[in-house]
Amino acid sequence: MLLDYCINELSSIIYELRNIQLEVRTDFLNIGQNLCADCIENIADKYEGVLKRLKRVDLNRAEGGS
């Protein structure tokens, strides 16, 4: 199902963003790492919101009840 694929892909992207955010915060010292990590975290948070909305989609309604 296409929606399931999108949900899985978005979940994977969020996971990767969270890992990158953690690495930036811990490994790139003294080059504005907190500001950069915060920006990545904000993007991941926005994607989390999109993911929650996607998970609430009722495919029966979206496909016209077929």
PDB file of N, CA and C in Angstrom:
ATOM      1  N   MET A   1       0.849  -1.176   0.000  1.00  0.00           N
ATOM      2  CA  MET A   1       0.000   0.000   0.000  1.00  0.00           C
ATOM      3  C   MET A   1       0.897   1.242   0.000  1.00  0.00           C
ATOM      4  N   LEU A   2       0.566   2.205  -0.786  1.00  0.00           N
ATOM      5  CA  LEU A   2       1.367   3.405  -0.941  1.00  0.00           C
ATOM      6  C   LEU A   2       1.456   4.214   0.350  1.00  0.00           C
ATOM      7  N   LEU A   3       0.374   4.339   1.086  1.00  0.00           N
ATOM      8  CA  LEU A   3       0.394   5.106   2.328  1.00  0.00           C
ATOM      9  C   LEU A   3       1.321   4.456   3.348  1.00  0.00           C
ATOM     10  N   ASP A   4       1.282   3.133   3.448  1.00  0.00           N
ATOM     11  CA  ASP A   4       2.179   2.434   4.365  1.00  0.00           C
ATOM     12  C   ASP A   4       3.635   2.677   3.996  1.00  0.00           C
ATOM     13  N   TYR A   5       3.914   2.674   2.709  1.00  0.00           N
ATOM     14  CA  TYR A   5       5.277   2.957   2.245  1.00  0.00           C
ATOM     15  C   TYR A   5       5.705   4.369   2.652  1.00  0.00           C
ATOM     16  N   CYS A   6       4.836   5.335   2.471  1.00  0.00           N
ATOM     17  CA  CYS A   6       5.138   6.722   2.850  1.00  0.00           C
ATOM     18  C   CYS A   6       5.378   6.839   4.351  1.00  0.00           C
ATOM     19  N   ILE A   7       4.545   6.164   5.129  1.00  0.00           N
ATOM     20  CA  ILE A   7       4.708   6.196   6.584  1.00  0.00           C
ATOM     21  C   ILE A   7       6.039   5.581   6.983  1.00  0.00           C
ATOM     22  N   ASN A   8       6.400   4.457   6.380  1.00  0.00           N
ATOM     23  CA  ASN A   8       7.675   3.811   6.701  1.00  0.00           C
ATOM     24  C   ASN A   8       8.858   4.690   6.297  1.00  0.00           C
ATOM     25  N   GLU A   9       8.776   5.286   5.135  1.00  0.00           N
ATOM     26  CA  GLU A   9       9.859   6.158   4.672  1.00  0.00           C
ATOM     27  C   GLU A   9      10.013   7.384   5.574  1.00  0.00           C
ATOM     28  N   LEU A  10       8.904   7.988   5.926  1.00  0.00           N
ATOM     29  CA  LEU A  10       8.951   9.164   6.786  1.00  0.00           C
ATOM     30  C   LEU A  10       9.492   8.795   8.163  1.00  0.00           C
ATOM     31  N   SER A  11       9.100   7.644   8.677  1.00  0.00           N
ATOM     32  CA  SER A  11       9.638   7.182   9.960  1.00  0.00           C
ATOM     33  C   SER A  11      11.146   7.010   9.881  1.00  0.00           C
ATOM     34  N   SER A  12      11.617   6.463   8.780  1.00  0.00           N
ATOM     35  CA  SER A  12      13.052   6.269   8.571  1.00  0.00           C
ATOM     36  C   SER A  12      13.784   7.609   8.496  1.00  0.00           C
ATOM     37  N   ILE A  13      13.205   8.561   7.801  1.00  0.00           N
ATOM     38  CA  ILE A  13      13.807   9.897   7.704  1.00  0.00           C
ATOM     39  C   ILE A  13      13.890  10.558   9.077  1.00  0.00           C
ATOM     40  N   ILE A  14      12.835  10.452   9.845  1.00  0.00           N
ATOM     41  CA  ILE A  14      12.826  11.032  11.197  1.00  0.00           C
ATOM     42  C   ILE A  14      13.905  10.390  12.050  1.00  0.00           C
ATOM     43  N   TYR A  15      14.020   9.070  11.973  1.00  0.00           N
ATOM     44  CA  TYR A  15      15.052   8.350  12.735  1.00  0.00           C
ATOM     45  C   TYR A  15      16.446   8.853  12.355  1.00  0.00           C
ATOM     46  N   GLU A  16      16.689   8.992  11.066  1.00  0.00           N
ATOM     47  CA  GLU A  16      17.991   9.478  10.602  1.00  0.00           C
ATOM     48  C   GLU A  16      18.246  10.914  11.054  1.00  0.00           C
ATOM     49  N   LEU A  17      17.240  11.767  10.966  1.00  0.00           N
ATOM     50  CA  LEU A  17      17.394  13.153  11.422  1.00  0.00           C
ATOM     51  C   LEU A  17      17.732  13.204  12.906  1.00  0.00           C
ATOM     52  N   ARG A  18      17.072  12.373  13.692  1.00  0.00           N
ATOM     53  CA  ARG A  18      17.352  12.346  15.136  1.00  0.00           C
ATOM     54  C   ARG A  18      18.790  11.888  15.390  1.00  0.00           C
ATOM     55  N   ASN A  19      19.278  10.909  14.633  1.00  0.00           N
ATOM     56  CA  ASN A  19      20.663  10.468  14.779  1.00  0.00           C
ATOM     57  C   ASN A  19      21.647  11.563  14.385  1.00  0.00           C
ATOM     58  N   ILE A  20      21.363  12.235  13.285  1.00  0.00           N
ATOM     59  CA  ILE A  20      22.230  13.330  12.835  1.00  0.00           C
ATOM     60  C   ILE A  20      22.244  14.435  13.881  1.00  0.00           C
ATOM     61  N   GLN A  21      21.081  14.773  14.404  1.00  0.00           N
ATOM     62  CA  GLN A  21      20.976  15.812  15.426  1.00  0.00           C
ATOM     63  C   GLN A  21      21.832  15.469  16.640  1.00  0.00           C
ATOM     64  N   LEU A  22      21.784  14.228  17.072  1.00  0.00           N
ATOM     65  CA  LEU A  22      22.571  13.796  18.224  1.00  0.00           C
ATOM     66  C   LEU A  22      24.071  13.864  17.923  1.00  0.00           C
ATOM     67  N   GLU A  23      24.456  13.421  16.747  1.00  0.00           N
ATOM     68  CA  GLU A  23      25.872  13.465  16.363  1.00  0.00           C
ATOM     69  C   GLU A  23      26.374  14.900  16.262  1.00  0.00           C
ATOM     70  N   VAL A  24      25.588  15.773  15.675  1.00  0.00           N
ATOM     71  CA  VAL A  24      25.990  17.181  15.572  1.00  0.00           C
ATOM     72  C   VAL A  24      26.152  17.774  16.962  1.00  0.00           C
ATOM     73  N   ARG A  25      25.215  17.478  17.833  1.00  0.00           N
ATOM     74  CA  ARG A  25      25.240  18.038  19.188  1.00  0.00           C
ATOM     75  C   ARG A  25      26.452  17.546  19.988  1.00  0.00           C
ATOM     76  N   THR A  26      26.866  16.306  19.763  1.00  0.00           N
ATOM     77  CA  THR A  26      27.942  15.730  20.584  1.00  0.00           C
ATOM     78  C   THR A  26      29.317  15.748  19.924  1.00  0.00           C
ATOM     79  N   ASP A  27      29.369  15.716  18.595  1.00  0.00           N
ATOM     80  CA  ASP A  27      30.661  15.548  17.918  1.00  0.00           C
ATOM     81  C   ASP A  27      31.243  16.812  17.303  1.00  0.00           C
ATOM     82  N   PHE A  28      30.448  17.846  17.095  1.00  0.00           N
ATOM     83  CA  PHE A  28      30.931  19.053  16.441  1.00  0.00           C
ATOM     84  C   PHE A  28      30.968  20.192  17.453  1.00  0.00           C
ATOM     85  N   LEU A  29      31.937  20.141  18.313  1.00  0.00           N
ATOM     86  CA  LEU A  29      32.019  21.098  19.405  1.00  0.00           C
ATOM     87  C   LEU A  29      32.521  22.460  18.935  1.00  0.00           C
ATOM     88  N   ASN A  30      31.956  23.489  19.556  1.00  0.00           N
ATOM     89  CA  ASN A  30      32.401  24.876  19.385  1.00  0.00           C
ATOM     90  C   ASN A  30      32.220  25.450  17.987  1.00  0.00           C
ATOM     91  N   ILE A  31      31.304  24.916  17.213  1.00  0.00           N
ATOM     92  CA  ILE A  31      31.032  25.516  15.903  1.00  0.00           C
ATOM     93  C   ILE A  31      29.533  25.760  15.752  1.00  0.00           C
ATOM     94  N   GLY A  32      28.899  26.126  16.855  1.00  0.00           N
ATOM     95  CA  GLY A  32      27.466  26.373  16.816  1.00  0.00           C
ATOM     96  C   GLY A  32      26.659  25.087  16.764  1.00  0.00           C
ATOM     97  N   GLN A  33      27.220  24.042  17.363  1.00  0.00           N
ATOM     98  CA  GLN A  33      26.576  22.737  17.262  1.00  0.00           C
ATOM     99  C   GLN A  33      25.192  22.705  17.879  1.00  0.00           C
ATOM    100  N   ASN A  34      24.978  23.437  18.950  1.00  0.00           N
ATOM    101  CA  ASN A  34      23.651  23.420  19.573  1.00  0.00           C
ATOM    102  C   ASN A  34      22.604  24.087  18.691  1.00  0.00           C
ATOM    103  N   LEU A  35      22.954  25.206  18.086  1.00  0.00           N
ATOM    104  CA  LEU A  35      22.024  25.877  17.186  1.00  0.00           C
ATOM    105  C   LEU A  35      21.696  24.992  15.986  1.00  0.00           C
ATOM    106  N   CYS A  36      22.704  24.396  15.415  1.00  0.00           N
ATOM    107  CA  CYS A  36      22.511  23.511  14.267  1.00  0.00           C
ATOM    108  C   CYS A  36      21.675  22.295  14.662  1.00  0.00           C
ATOM    109  N   ALA A  37      22.011  21.677  15.786  1.00  0.00           N
ATOM    110  CA  ALA A  37      21.264  20.499  16.249  1.00  0.00           C
ATOM    111  C   ALA A  37      19.812  20.865  16.561  1.00  0.00           C
ATOM    112  N   ASP A  38      19.606  22.046  17.128  1.00  0.00           N
ATOM    113  CA  ASP A  38      18.237  22.492  17.415  1.00  0.00           C
ATOM    114  C   ASP A  38      17.422  22.642  16.134  1.00  0.00           C
ATOM    115  N   CYS A  39      18.043  23.157  15.082  1.00  0.00           N
ATOM    116  CA  CYS A  39      17.352  23.303  13.796  1.00  0.00           C
ATOM    117  C   CYS A  39      16.969  21.939  13.229  1.00  0.00           C
ATOM    118  N   ILE A  40      17.872  20.984  13.299  1.00  0.00           N
ATOM    119  CA  ILE A  40      17.583  19.626  12.816  1.00  0.00           C
ATOM    120  C   ILE A  40      16.459  19.012  13.645  1.00  0.00           C
ATOM    121  N   GLU A  41      16.518  19.225  14.947  1.00  0.00           N
ATOM    122  CA  GLU A  41      15.484  18.697  15.834  1.00  0.00           C
ATOM    123  C   GLU A  41      14.114  19.303  15.510  1.00  0.00           C
ATOM    124  N   ASN A  42      14.080  20.598  15.226  1.00  0.00           N
ATOM    125  CA  ASN A  42      12.821  21.251  14.857  1.00  0.00           C
ATOM    126  C   ASN A  42      12.223  20.655  13.586  1.00  0.00           C
ATOM    127  N   ILE A  43      13.073  20.351  12.622  1.00  0.00           N
ATOM    128  CA  ILE A  43      12.599  19.733  11.382  1.00  0.00           C
ATOM    129  C   ILE A  43      12.048  18.343  11.670  1.00  0.00           C
ATOM    130  N   ALA A  44      12.778  17.571  12.477  1.00  0.00           N
ATOM    131  CA  ALA A  44      12.308  16.229  12.832  1.00  0.00           C
ATOM    132  C   ALA A  44      10.974  16.305  13.565  1.00  0.00           C
ATOM    133  N   ASP A  45      10.825  17.296  14.436  1.00  0.00           N
ATOM    134  CA  ASP A  45       9.555  17.466  15.158  1.00  0.00           C
ATOM    135  C   ASP A  45       8.402  17.757  14.196  1.00  0.00           C
ATOM    136  N   LYS A  46       8.667  18.589  13.184  1.00  0.00           N
ATOM    137  CA  LYS A  46       7.625  18.890  12.193  1.00  0.00           C
ATOM    138  C   LYS A  46       7.256  17.648  11.399  1.00  0.00           C
ATOM    139  N   TYR A  47       8.245  16.848  11.043  1.00  0.00           N
ATOM    140  CA  TYR A  47       7.977  15.602  10.331  1.00  0.00           C
ATOM    141  C   TYR A  47       7.192  14.635  11.211  1.00  0.00           C
ATOM    142  N   GLU A  48       7.465  14.652  12.520  1.00  0.00           N
ATOM    143  CA  GLU A  48       6.699  13.816  13.453  1.00  0.00           C
ATOM    144  C   GLU A  48       5.216  14.189  13.387  1.00  0.00           C
ATOM    145  N   GLY A  49       4.932  15.484  13.315  1.00  0.00           N
ATOM    146  CA  GLY A  49       3.547  15.928  13.201  1.00  0.00           C
ATOM    147  C   GLY A  49       2.898  15.428  11.922  1.00  0.00           C
ATOM    148  N   VAL A  50       3.635  15.483  10.826  1.00  0.00           N
ATOM    149  CA  VAL A  50       3.125  14.976   9.553  1.00  0.00           C
ATOM    150  C   VAL A  50       2.882  13.476   9.655  1.00  0.00           C
ATOM    151  N   LEU A  51       3.804  12.767  10.278  1.00  0.00           N
ATOM    152  CA  LEU A  51       3.670  11.324  10.436  1.00  0.00           C
ATOM    153  C   LEU A  51       2.417  10.979  11.233  1.00  0.00           C
ATOM    154  N   LYS A  52       2.164  11.703  12.301  1.00  0.00           N
ATOM    155  CA  LYS A  52       0.962  11.462  13.107  1.00  0.00           C
ATOM    156  C   LYS A  52      -0.298  11.663  12.271  1.00  0.00           C
ATOM    157  N   ARG A  53      -0.292  12.694  11.427  1.00  0.00           N
ATOM    158  CA  ARG A  53      -1.457  12.940  10.569  1.00  0.00           C
ATOM    159  C   ARG A  53      -1.634  11.819   9.533  1.00  0.00           C
ATOM    160  N   LEU A  54      -0.525  11.364   8.967  1.00  0.00           N
ATOM    161  CA  LEU A  54      -0.603  10.277   7.992  1.00  0.00           C
ATOM    162  C   LEU A  54      -1.160   9.011   8.622  1.00  0.00           C
ATOM    163  N   LYS A  55      -0.767   8.740   9.842  1.00  0.00           N
ATOM    164  CA  LYS A  55      -1.228   7.530  10.520  1.00  0.00           C
ATOM    165  C   LYS A  55      -2.721   7.591  10.833  1.00  0.00           C
ATOM    166  N   ARG A  56      -3.292   8.787  10.859  1.00  0.00           N
ATOM    167  CA  ARG A  56      -4.723   8.937  11.138  1.00  0.00           C
ATOM    168  C   ARG A  56      -5.593   8.875   9.887  1.00  0.00           C
ATOM    169  N   VAL A  57      -4.975   8.792   8.726  1.00  0.00           N
ATOM    170  CA  VAL A  57      -5.747   8.769   7.480  1.00  0.00           C
ATOM    171  C   VAL A  57      -6.575   7.492   7.427  1.00  0.00           C
ATOM    172  N   ASP A  58      -7.843   7.652   7.164  1.00  0.00           N
ATOM    173  CA  ASP A  58      -8.758   6.528   6.976  1.00  0.00           C
ATOM    174  C   ASP A  58      -8.797   6.229   5.481  1.00  0.00           C
ATOM    175  N   LEU A  59      -8.160   5.129   5.099  1.00  0.00           N
ATOM    176  CA  LEU A  59      -8.073   4.802   3.673  1.00  0.00           C
ATOM    177  C   LEU A  59      -9.435   4.559   3.054  1.00  0.00           C
ATOM    178  N   ASN A  60     -10.380   4.076   3.824  1.00  0.00           N
ATOM    179  CA  ASN A  60     -11.728   3.855   3.283  1.00  0.00           C
ATOM    180  C   ASN A  60     -12.352   5.177   2.853  1.00  0.00           C
ATOM    181  N   ARG A  61     -12.148   6.199   3.655  1.00  0.00           N
ATOM    182  CA  ARG A  61     -12.697   7.523   3.290  1.00  0.00           C
ATOM    183  C   ARG A  61     -11.877   8.154   2.167  1.00  0.00           C
ATOM    184  N   ALA A  62     -10.557   7.993   2.215  1.00  0.00           N
ATOM    185  CA  ALA A  62      -9.684   8.618   1.216  1.00  0.00           C
ATOM    186  C   ALA A  62      -9.899   8.022  -0.174  1.00  0.00           C
ATOM    187  N   GLU A  63     -10.270   6.736  -0.227  1.00  0.00           N
ATOM    188  CA  GLU A  63     -10.461   6.074  -1.506  1.00  0.00           C
ATOM    189  C   GLU A  63     -11.927   6.036  -1.917  1.00  0.00           C
ATOM    190  N   GLY A  64     -12.753   6.777  -1.233  1.00  0.00           N
ATOM    191  CA  GLY A  64     -14.161   6.826  -1.598  1.00  0.00           C
ATOM    192  C   GLY A  64     -14.954   5.618  -1.127  1.00  0.00           C
ATOM    193  N   GLY A  65     -14.426   4.930  -0.094  1.00  0.00           N
ATOM    194  CA  GLY A  65     -15.155   3.816   0.485  1.00  0.00           C
ATOM    195  C   GLY A  65     -15.065   2.518  -0.290  1.00  0.00           C
ATOM    196  N   SER A  66     -14.146   2.439  -1.256  1.00  0.00           N
ATOM    197  CA  SER A  66     -14.044   1.188  -2.027  1.00  0.00           C
ATOM    198  C   SER A  66     -13.155   0.189  -1.358  1.00  0.00           C
TER     199      SER A  66
END
